[in-house]
PDB file of N, CA and C in Angstrom:
ATOM      1  N   MET A   1      88.395 -26.895 -44.720  1.00  0.00           N
ATOM      2  CA  MET A   1      88.134 -25.307 -44.494  1.00  0.00           C
ATOM      3  C   MET A   1      88.792 -24.657 -43.274  1.00  0.00           C
ATOM      4  N   GLY A   2      88.881 -25.571 -42.197  1.00  0.00           N
ATOM      5  CA  GLY A   2      89.610 -25.087 -40.945  1.00  0.00           C
ATOM      6  C   GLY A   2      91.149 -24.600 -41.192  1.00  0.00           C
ATOM      7  N   LYS A   3      91.966 -25.454 -41.850  1.00  0.00           N
ATOM      8  CA  LYS A   3      93.290 -24.917 -42.093  1.00  0.00           C
ATOM      9  C   LYS A   3      93.482 -23.762 -42.978  1.00  0.00           C
ATOM     10  N   GLN A   4      92.560 -23.788 -44.068  1.00  0.00           N
ATOM     11  CA  GLN A   4      92.561 -22.657 -45.288  1.00  0.00           C
ATOM     12  C   GLN A   4      92.109 -21.362 -44.492  1.00  0.00           C
ATOM     13  N   SER A   5      91.043 -21.495 -43.682  1.00  0.00           N
ATOM     14  CA  SER A   5      90.360 -20.267 -43.429  1.00  0.00           C
ATOM     15  C   SER A   5      91.385 -19.613 -42.152  1.00  0.00           C
ATOM     16  N   GLY A   6      92.178 -20.522 -41.465  1.00  0.00           N
ATOM     17  CA  GLY A   6      93.074 -20.047 -40.363  1.00  0.00           C
ATOM     18  C   GLY A   6      94.158 -19.184 -40.816  1.00  0.00           C
ATOM     19  N   LYS A   7      94.404 -19.208 -41.944  1.00  0.00           N
ATOM     20  CA  LYS A   7      95.426 -18.341 -42.622  1.00  0.00           C
ATOM     21  C   LYS A   7      94.805 -16.843 -42.934  1.00  0.00           C
ATOM     22  N   PHE A   8      93.713 -16.744 -42.974  1.00  0.00           N
ATOM     23  CA  PHE A   8      92.925 -15.525 -43.183  1.00  0.00           C
ATOM     24  C   PHE A   8      92.333 -14.868 -41.923  1.00  0.00           C
ATOM     25  N   LEU A   9      92.037 -15.853 -40.972  1.00  0.00           N
ATOM     26  CA  LEU A   9      91.141 -15.171 -39.930  1.00  0.00           C
ATOM     27  C   LEU A   9      92.124 -15.593 -38.746  1.00  0.00           C
ATOM     28  N   LYS A  10      93.332 -14.958 -38.497  1.00  0.00           N
ATOM     29  CA  LYS A  10      94.014 -15.062 -37.435  1.00  0.00           C
ATOM     30  C   LYS A  10      93.581 -14.403 -36.164  1.00  0.00           C
ATOM     31  N   ASN A  11      93.682 -15.214 -35.145  1.00  0.00           N
ATOM     32  CA  ASN A  11      92.940 -14.841 -33.837  1.00  0.00           C
ATOM     33  C   ASN A  11      91.494 -14.894 -33.852  1.00  0.00           C
ATOM     34  N   MET A  12      90.797 -15.514 -34.845  1.00  0.00           N
ATOM     35  CA  MET A  12      89.462 -15.698 -34.738  1.00  0.00           C
ATOM     36  C   MET A  12      89.218 -17.295 -35.080  1.00  0.00           C
ATOM     37  N   GLY A  13      88.311 -17.700 -34.186  1.00  0.00           N
ATOM     38  CA  GLY A  13      87.863 -19.195 -34.260  1.00  0.00           C
ATOM     39  C   GLY A  13      86.548 -19.203 -35.069  1.00  0.00           C
ATOM     40  N   TYR A  14      86.403 -20.135 -35.489  1.00  0.00           N
ATOM     41  CA  TYR A  14      85.120 -20.548 -36.188  1.00  0.00           C
ATOM     42  C   TYR A  14      84.386 -21.863 -35.553  1.00  0.00           C
ATOM     43  N   PHE A  15      83.169 -21.475 -35.367  1.00  0.00           N
ATOM     44  CA  PHE A  15      82.451 -22.473 -34.617  1.00  0.00           C
ATOM     45  C   PHE A  15      81.039 -22.871 -35.312  1.00  0.00           C
ATOM     46  N   LYS A  16      80.473 -24.106 -34.785  1.00  0.00           N
ATOM     47  CA  LYS A  16      79.156 -24.444 -35.314  1.00  0.00           C
ATOM     48  C   LYS A  16      78.271 -24.475 -34.038  1.00  0.00           C
ATOM     49  N   LEU A  17      77.220 -24.056 -33.825  1.00  0.00           N
ATOM     50  CA  LEU A  17      76.609 -24.095 -32.729  1.00  0.00           C
ATOM     51  C   LEU A  17      75.145 -24.987 -33.050  1.00  0.00           C
ATOM     52  N   SER A  18      75.046 -26.171 -32.323  1.00  0.00           N
ATOM     53  CA  SER A  18      74.039 -27.304 -32.785  1.00  0.00           C
ATOM     54  C   SER A  18      73.020 -27.447 -31.660  1.00  0.00           C
ATOM     55  N   PRO A  19      71.861 -26.518 -31.705  1.00  0.00           N
ATOM     56  CA  PRO A  19      71.185 -26.820 -30.525  1.00  0.00           C
ATOM     57  C   PRO A  19      70.131 -27.962 -30.786  1.00  0.00           C
ATOM     58  N   GLY A  20      69.678 -28.341 -29.713  1.00  0.00           N
ATOM     59  CA  GLY A  20      68.659 -29.474 -29.998  1.00  0.00           C
ATOM     60  C   GLY A  20      67.079 -28.834 -29.864  1.00  0.00           C
ATOM     61  N   PHE A  21      66.170 -29.757 -29.303  1.00  0.00           N
ATOM     62  CA  PHE A  21      64.895 -29.191 -29.305  1.00  0.00           C
ATOM     63  C   PHE A  21      64.742 -28.025 -28.225  1.00  0.00           C
ATOM     64  N   THR A  22      64.401 -26.876 -28.525  1.00  0.00           N
ATOM     65  CA  THR A  22      64.587 -25.516 -27.682  1.00  0.00           C
ATOM     66  C   THR A  22      63.049 -24.994 -27.715  1.00  0.00           C
ATOM     67  N   GLN A  23      62.528 -24.754 -26.423  1.00  0.00           N
ATOM     68  CA  GLN A  23      61.189 -24.168 -26.263  1.00  0.00           C
ATOM     69  C   GLN A  23      61.248 -22.770 -26.542  1.00  0.00           C
ATOM     70  N   THR A  24      60.771 -22.499 -27.836  1.00  0.00           N
ATOM     71  CA  THR A  24      60.599 -21.220 -28.467  1.00  0.00           C
ATOM     72  C   THR A  24      59.175 -20.829 -28.824  1.00  0.00           C
ATOM     73  N   ALA A  25      59.018 -19.832 -29.421  1.00  0.00           N
ATOM     74  CA  ALA A  25      57.483 -19.554 -29.698  1.00  0.00           C
ATOM     75  C   ALA A  25      57.220 -20.503 -30.853  1.00  0.00           C
ATOM     76  N   MET A  26      58.140 -20.854 -31.819  1.00  0.00           N
ATOM     77  CA  MET A  26      57.629 -21.535 -32.881  1.00  0.00           C
ATOM     78  C   MET A  26      57.386 -23.056 -32.222  1.00  0.00           C
ATOM     79  N   TYR A  27      58.268 -23.516 -31.447  1.00  0.00           N
ATOM     80  CA  TYR A  27      58.040 -24.727 -30.743  1.00  0.00           C
ATOM     81  C   TYR A  27      56.583 -24.869 -30.223  1.00  0.00           C
ATOM     82  N   ASP A  28      56.219 -23.823 -29.360  1.00  0.00           N
ATOM     83  CA  ASP A  28      54.921 -23.780 -28.701  1.00  0.00           C
ATOM     84  C   ASP A  28      53.715 -23.667 -29.778  1.00  0.00           C
ATOM     85  N   TYR A  29      54.005 -22.929 -30.731  1.00  0.00           N
ATOM     86  CA  TYR A  29      52.996 -22.788 -31.896  1.00  0.00           C
ATOM     87  C   TYR A  29      52.757 -24.251 -32.607  1.00  0.00           C
ATOM     88  N   THR A  30      53.934 -24.873 -32.870  1.00  0.00           N
ATOM     89  CA  THR A  30      53.880 -26.175 -33.491  1.00  0.00           C
ATOM     90  C   THR A  30      52.852 -27.083 -32.551  1.00  0.00           C
ATOM     91  N   LEU A  31      53.390 -27.174 -31.230  1.00  0.00           N
ATOM     92  CA  LEU A  31      52.658 -28.008 -30.444  1.00  0.00           C
ATOM     93  C   LEU A  31      51.311 -27.668 -30.508  1.00  0.00           C
ATOM     94  N   SER A  32      50.992 -26.466 -30.250  1.00  0.00           N
ATOM     95  CA  SER A  32      49.621 -26.044 -30.105  1.00  0.00           C
ATOM     96  C   SER A  32      48.685 -26.251 -31.267  1.00  0.00           C
ATOM     97  N   HIS A  33      49.290 -26.371 -32.605  1.00  0.00           N
ATOM     98  CA  HIS A  33      48.515 -26.505 -33.613  1.00  0.00           C
ATOM     99  C   HIS A  33      48.774 -27.941 -34.301  1.00  0.00           C
ATOM    100  N   ASN A  34      49.240 -28.858 -33.399  1.00  0.00           N
ATOM    101  CA  ASN A  34      49.499 -30.274 -33.736  1.00  0.00           C
ATOM    102  C   ASN A  34      48.093 -31.055 -33.517  1.00  0.00           C
ATOM    103  N   THR A  35      47.886 -31.799 -34.579  1.00  0.00           N
ATOM    104  CA  THR A  35      46.719 -32.622 -34.504  1.00  0.00           C
ATOM    105  C   THR A  35      46.922 -33.825 -33.602  1.00  0.00           C
ATOM    106  N   ILE A  36      48.122 -34.167 -33.376  1.00  0.00           N
ATOM    107  CA  ILE A  36      48.332 -35.369 -32.431  1.00  0.00           C
ATOM    108  C   ILE A  36      48.296 -34.714 -31.094  1.00  0.00           C
ATOM    109  N   ASP A  37      48.149 -35.762 -30.161  1.00  0.00           N
ATOM    110  CA  ASP A  37      47.960 -35.436 -28.632  1.00  0.00           C
ATOM    111  C   ASP A  37      49.438 -34.580 -28.258  1.00  0.00           C
ATOM    112  N   SER A  38      49.344 -33.321 -27.810  1.00  0.00           N
ATOM    113  CA  SER A  38      50.473 -32.336 -27.649  1.00  0.00           C
ATOM    114  C   SER A  38      51.202 -32.992 -26.366  1.00  0.00           C
ATOM    115  N   GLU A  39      50.632 -33.515 -25.328  1.00  0.00           N
ATOM    116  CA  GLU A  39      51.293 -33.902 -24.253  1.00  0.00           C
ATOM    117  C   GLU A  39      52.102 -35.132 -24.612  1.00  0.00           C
ATOM    118  N   ALA A  40      51.500 -36.042 -25.254  1.00  0.00           N
ATOM    119  CA  ALA A  40      52.378 -37.212 -25.857  1.00  0.00           C
ATOM    120  C   ALA A  40      53.619 -36.818 -26.498  1.00  0.00           C
ATOM    121  N   THR A  41      53.255 -35.822 -27.434  1.00  0.00           N
ATOM    122  CA  THR A  41      54.386 -35.323 -28.339  1.00  0.00           C
ATOM    123  C   THR A  41      55.512 -34.840 -27.424  1.00  0.00           C
ATOM    124  N   VAL A  42      55.209 -34.025 -26.456  1.00  0.00           N
ATOM    125  CA  VAL A  42      56.306 -33.291 -25.528  1.00  0.00           C
ATOM    126  C   VAL A  42      56.898 -34.496 -24.784  1.00  0.00           C
ATOM    127  N   LYS A  43      56.105 -35.569 -24.332  1.00  0.00           N
ATOM    128  CA  LYS A  43      56.950 -36.522 -23.566  1.00  0.00           C
ATOM    129  C   LYS A  43      57.846 -37.354 -24.439  1.00  0.00           C
ATOM    130  N   PHE A  44      57.320 -37.568 -25.839  1.00  0.00           N
ATOM    131  CA  PHE A  44      58.379 -38.178 -26.716  1.00  0.00           C
ATOM    132  C   PHE A  44      59.535 -37.478 -27.156  1.00  0.00           C
ATOM    133  N   ILE A  45      59.334 -36.210 -27.327  1.00  0.00           N
ATOM    134  CA  ILE A  45      60.507 -35.177 -27.592  1.00  0.00           C
ATOM    135  C   ILE A  45      61.434 -35.232 -26.382  1.00  0.00           C
ATOM    136  N   ASN A  46      60.920 -35.212 -25.349  1.00  0.00           N
ATOM    137  CA  ASN A  46      61.738 -35.047 -24.020  1.00  0.00           C
ATOM    138  C   ASN A  46      62.458 -36.237 -23.917  1.00  0.00           C
ATOM    139  N   SER A  47      61.923 -37.511 -24.130  1.00  0.00           N
ATOM    140  CA  SER A  47      62.423 -38.734 -23.974  1.00  0.00           C
ATOM    141  C   SER A  47      63.768 -39.063 -24.879  1.00  0.00           C
ATOM    142  N   LEU A  48      63.701 -38.080 -25.886  1.00  0.00           N
ATOM    143  CA  LEU A  48      64.967 -38.287 -26.875  1.00  0.00           C
ATOM    144  C   LEU A  48      66.240 -37.718 -26.281  1.00  0.00           C
ATOM    145  N   SER A  49      66.103 -36.974 -25.261  1.00  0.00           N
ATOM    146  CA  SER A  49      67.164 -36.172 -24.559  1.00  0.00           C
ATOM    147  C   SER A  49      67.574 -36.822 -23.261  1.00  0.00           C
ATOM    148  N   VAL A  50      68.937 -36.826 -23.008  1.00  0.00           N
ATOM    149  CA  VAL A  50      69.509 -37.497 -21.881  1.00  0.00           C
ATOM    150  C   VAL A  50      68.863 -36.725 -20.555  1.00  0.00           C
ATOM    151  N   LEU A  51      68.690 -35.489 -20.877  1.00  0.00           N
ATOM    152  CA  LEU A  51      68.181 -34.688 -19.690  1.00  0.00           C
ATOM    153  C   LEU A  51      66.753 -34.650 -19.562  1.00  0.00           C
ATOM    154  N   ASN A  52      66.102 -35.435 -20.403  1.00  0.00           N
ATOM    155  CA  ASN A  52      64.557 -35.585 -20.463  1.00  0.00           C
ATOM    156  C   ASN A  52      63.958 -34.395 -20.517  1.00  0.00           C
ATOM    157  N   ARG A  53      64.374 -33.156 -21.244  1.00  0.00           N
ATOM    158  CA  ARG A  53      63.666 -31.901 -21.337  1.00  0.00           C
ATOM    159  C   ARG A  53      63.875 -31.249 -22.494  1.00  0.00           C
ATOM    160  N   THR A  54      63.447 -30.255 -22.842  1.00  0.00           N
ATOM    161  CA  THR A  54      63.890 -29.390 -23.937  1.00  0.00           C
ATOM    162  C   THR A  54      64.679 -28.291 -23.384  1.00  0.00           C
ATOM    163  N   GLY A  55      65.479 -27.646 -24.339  1.00  0.00           N
ATOM    164  CA  GLY A  55      66.212 -26.721 -23.907  1.00  0.00           C
ATOM    165  C   GLY A  55      65.537 -25.200 -23.757  1.00  0.00           C
ATOM    166  N   LYS A  56      66.136 -24.256 -23.258  1.00  0.00           N
ATOM    167  CA  LYS A  56      65.564 -23.019 -23.046  1.00  0.00           C
ATOM    168  C   LYS A  56      66.466 -22.130 -24.028  1.00  0.00           C
ATOM    169  N   PRO A  57      65.767 -20.992 -24.437  1.00  0.00           N
ATOM    170  CA  PRO A  57      66.723 -20.169 -25.359  1.00  0.00           C
ATOM    171  C   PRO A  57      67.869 -19.447 -24.709  1.00  0.00           C
ATOM    172  N   GLU A  58      67.636 -19.270 -23.362  1.00  0.00           N
ATOM    173  CA  GLU A  58      68.822 -18.685 -22.690  1.00  0.00           C
ATOM    174  C   GLU A  58      69.913 -19.635 -22.500  1.00  0.00           C
ATOM    175  N   GLU A  59      69.712 -20.890 -22.500  1.00  0.00           N
ATOM    176  CA  GLU A  59      70.783 -21.877 -22.623  1.00  0.00           C
ATOM    177  C   GLU A  59      71.563 -21.999 -23.755  1.00  0.00           C
ATOM    178  N   ILE A  60      70.902 -21.912 -24.987  1.00  0.00           N
ATOM    179  CA  ILE A  60      71.504 -21.614 -26.325  1.00  0.00           C
ATOM    180  C   ILE A  60      72.330 -20.320 -26.321  1.00  0.00           C
ATOM    181  N   ALA A  61      71.709 -19.333 -25.763  1.00  0.00           N
ATOM    182  CA  ALA A  61      72.492 -17.930 -25.973  1.00  0.00           C
ATOM    183  C   ALA A  61      73.624 -18.038 -25.040  1.00  0.00           C
ATOM    184  N   GLN A  62      73.650 -18.618 -23.927  1.00  0.00           N
ATOM    185  CA  GLN A  62      74.862 -18.730 -23.031  1.00  0.00           C
ATOM    186  C   GLN A  62      75.990 -19.525 -23.672  1.00  0.00           C
ATOM    187  N   ALA A  63      75.463 -20.486 -24.606  1.00  0.00           N
ATOM    188  CA  ALA A  63      76.718 -21.103 -25.148  1.00  0.00           C
ATOM    189  C   ALA A  63      77.149 -20.225 -26.355  1.00  0.00           C
ATOM    190  N   ALA A  64      76.363 -19.502 -27.115  1.00  0.00           N
ATOM    191  CA  ALA A  64      76.846 -18.541 -27.987  1.00  0.00           C
ATOM    192  C   ALA A  64      77.683 -17.488 -27.441  1.00  0.00           C
ATOM    193  N   LEU A  65      77.212 -17.071 -26.332  1.00  0.00           N
ATOM    194  CA  LEU A  65      78.078 -16.127 -25.506  1.00  0.00           C
ATOM    195  C   LEU A  65      79.420 -16.528 -25.264  1.00  0.00           C
ATOM    196  N   PHE A  66      79.385 -17.546 -24.731  1.00  0.00           N
ATOM    197  CA  PHE A  66      80.785 -18.218 -24.347  1.00  0.00           C
ATOM    198  C   PHE A  66      81.694 -18.289 -25.574  1.00  0.00           C
ATOM    199  N   LEU A  67      81.060 -18.873 -26.737  1.00  0.00           N
ATOM    200  CA  LEU A  67      81.933 -18.747 -27.960  1.00  0.00           C
ATOM    201  C   LEU A  67      82.491 -17.622 -28.461  1.00  0.00           C
ATOM    202  N   ALA A  68      81.608 -16.599 -28.244  1.00  0.00           N
ATOM    203  CA  ALA A  68      81.936 -15.244 -28.500  1.00  0.00           C
ATOM    204  C   ALA A  68      82.870 -14.524 -27.690  1.00  0.00           C
ATOM    205  N   SER A  69      83.087 -15.033 -26.433  1.00  0.00           N
ATOM    206  CA  SER A  69      83.930 -14.395 -25.353  1.00  0.00           C
ATOM    207  C   SER A  69      85.463 -14.793 -25.565  1.00  0.00           C
ATOM    208  N   SER A  70      86.237 -14.005 -24.599  1.00  0.00           N
ATOM    209  CA  SER A  70      87.706 -14.483 -24.661  1.00  0.00           C
ATOM    210  C   SER A  70      87.836 -15.671 -23.934  1.00  0.00           C
ATOM    211  N   GLU A  71      87.037 -16.150 -23.294  1.00  0.00           N
ATOM    212  CA  GLU A  71      87.082 -17.470 -22.472  1.00  0.00           C
ATOM    213  C   GLU A  71      87.187 -18.631 -23.611  1.00  0.00           C
ATOM    214  N   SER A  72      86.746 -18.491 -24.757  1.00  0.00           N
ATOM    215  CA  SER A  72      87.069 -19.584 -25.748  1.00  0.00           C
ATOM    216  C   SER A  72      87.966 -19.203 -26.693  1.00  0.00           C
ATOM    217  N   SER A  73      89.012 -18.453 -26.365  1.00  0.00           N
ATOM    218  CA  SER A  73      90.175 -17.900 -27.295  1.00  0.00           C
ATOM    219  C   SER A  73      90.908 -18.989 -27.850  1.00  0.00           C
ATOM    220  N   PHE A  74      91.022 -20.210 -27.226  1.00  0.00           N
ATOM    221  CA  PHE A  74      91.912 -21.161 -27.711  1.00  0.00           C
ATOM    222  C   PHE A  74      90.951 -22.273 -28.361  1.00  0.00           C
ATOM    223  N   ILE A  75      89.934 -22.053 -28.813  1.00  0.00           N
ATOM    224  CA  ILE A  75      88.831 -22.841 -29.146  1.00  0.00           C
ATOM    225  C   ILE A  75      88.540 -22.664 -30.690  1.00  0.00           C
ATOM    226  N   THR A  76      88.621 -23.505 -31.553  1.00  0.00           N
ATOM    227  CA  THR A  76      88.309 -23.170 -32.985  1.00  0.00           C
ATOM    228  C   THR A  76      87.964 -24.461 -33.738  1.00  0.00           C
ATOM    229  N   GLY A  77      87.166 -24.482 -34.756  1.00  0.00           N
ATOM    230  CA  GLY A  77      86.815 -25.514 -35.439  1.00  0.00           C
ATOM    231  C   GLY A  77      85.985 -26.461 -34.821  1.00  0.00           C
ATOM    232  N   ILE A  78      85.162 -26.321 -34.097  1.00  0.00           N
ATOM    233  CA  ILE A  78      84.335 -27.238 -33.170  1.00  0.00           C
ATOM    234  C   ILE A  78      82.731 -27.082 -33.624  1.00  0.00           C
ATOM    235  N   ASN A  79      82.209 -28.007 -33.414  1.00  0.00           N
ATOM    236  CA  ASN A  79      80.723 -28.228 -33.418  1.00  0.00           C
ATOM    237  C   ASN A  79      80.168 -28.362 -32.052  1.00  0.00           C
ATOM    238  N   LEU A  80      79.627 -27.325 -31.493  1.00  0.00           N
ATOM    239  CA  LEU A  80      79.454 -27.257 -30.036  1.00  0.00           C
ATOM    240  C   LEU A  80      77.833 -27.831 -29.991  1.00  0.00           C
ATOM    241  N   LEU A  81      77.726 -28.922 -29.411  1.00  0.00           N
ATOM    242  CA  LEU A  81      76.268 -29.673 -29.348  1.00  0.00           C
ATOM    243  C   LEU A  81      75.746 -29.085 -27.978  1.00  0.00           C
ATOM    244  N   VAL A  82      74.506 -28.393 -28.116  1.00  0.00           N
ATOM    245  CA  VAL A  82      73.745 -27.904 -27.091  1.00  0.00           C
ATOM    246  C   VAL A  82      72.432 -28.388 -27.156  1.00  0.00           C
ATOM    247  N   ASP A  83      72.376 -29.841 -26.882  1.00  0.00           N
ATOM    248  CA  ASP A  83      71.173 -30.434 -27.149  1.00  0.00           C
ATOM    249  C   ASP A  83      70.633 -31.358 -25.921  1.00  0.00           C
ATOM    250  N   GLY A  84      71.233 -31.159 -24.784  1.00  0.00           N
ATOM    251  CA  GLY A  84      70.784 -31.836 -23.691  1.00  0.00           C
ATOM    252  C   GLY A  84      70.987 -33.330 -23.726  1.00  0.00           C
ATOM    253  N   GLY A  85      72.033 -33.635 -24.627  1.00  0.00           N
ATOM    254  CA  GLY A  85      72.312 -35.110 -24.659  1.00  0.00           C
ATOM    255  C   GLY A  85      71.616 -35.812 -25.830  1.00  0.00           C
ATOM    256  N   LEU A  86      70.933 -35.141 -26.644  1.00  0.00           N
ATOM    257  CA  LEU A  86      70.090 -35.719 -27.684  1.00  0.00           C
ATOM    258  C   LEU A  86      71.042 -36.542 -28.677  1.00  0.00           C
ATOM    259  N   SER A  87      72.222 -36.005 -29.040  1.00  0.00           N
ATOM    260  CA  SER A  87      73.063 -36.561 -29.926  1.00  0.00           C
ATOM    261  C   SER A  87      73.985 -37.796 -29.213  1.00  0.00           C
ATOM    262  N   ALA A  88      73.987 -37.854 -27.710  1.00  0.00           N
ATOM    263  CA  ALA A  88      74.685 -38.881 -27.256  1.00  0.00           C
ATOM    264  C   ALA A  88      73.742 -40.140 -27.024  1.00  0.00           C
ATOM    265  N   LYS A  89      72.467 -40.023 -27.137  1.00  0.00           N
ATOM    266  CA  LYS A  89      71.571 -40.952 -26.816  1.00  0.00           C
ATOM    267  C   LYS A  89      71.595 -42.055 -27.969  1.00  0.00           C
TER     268      LYS A  89
END
């Protein structure tokens, strides 16, 4: 798709943003309604990340803003992993 869409979308990049576990209202709701020990679940989820924590919505937003800015003008066709190292582990 990259080469083909490049013909039509000159001066526009296309990206995929892949967040990891992020502390959102849905995340908190799921943990609070979990029948399993929530604290143990959080520890397990955090252990999956190199940074040993979940992301914040602001961190995902900052990555999206970067991709939408002129700072990323020479970047296209990437999958930006914003997962705290989850995929690197």
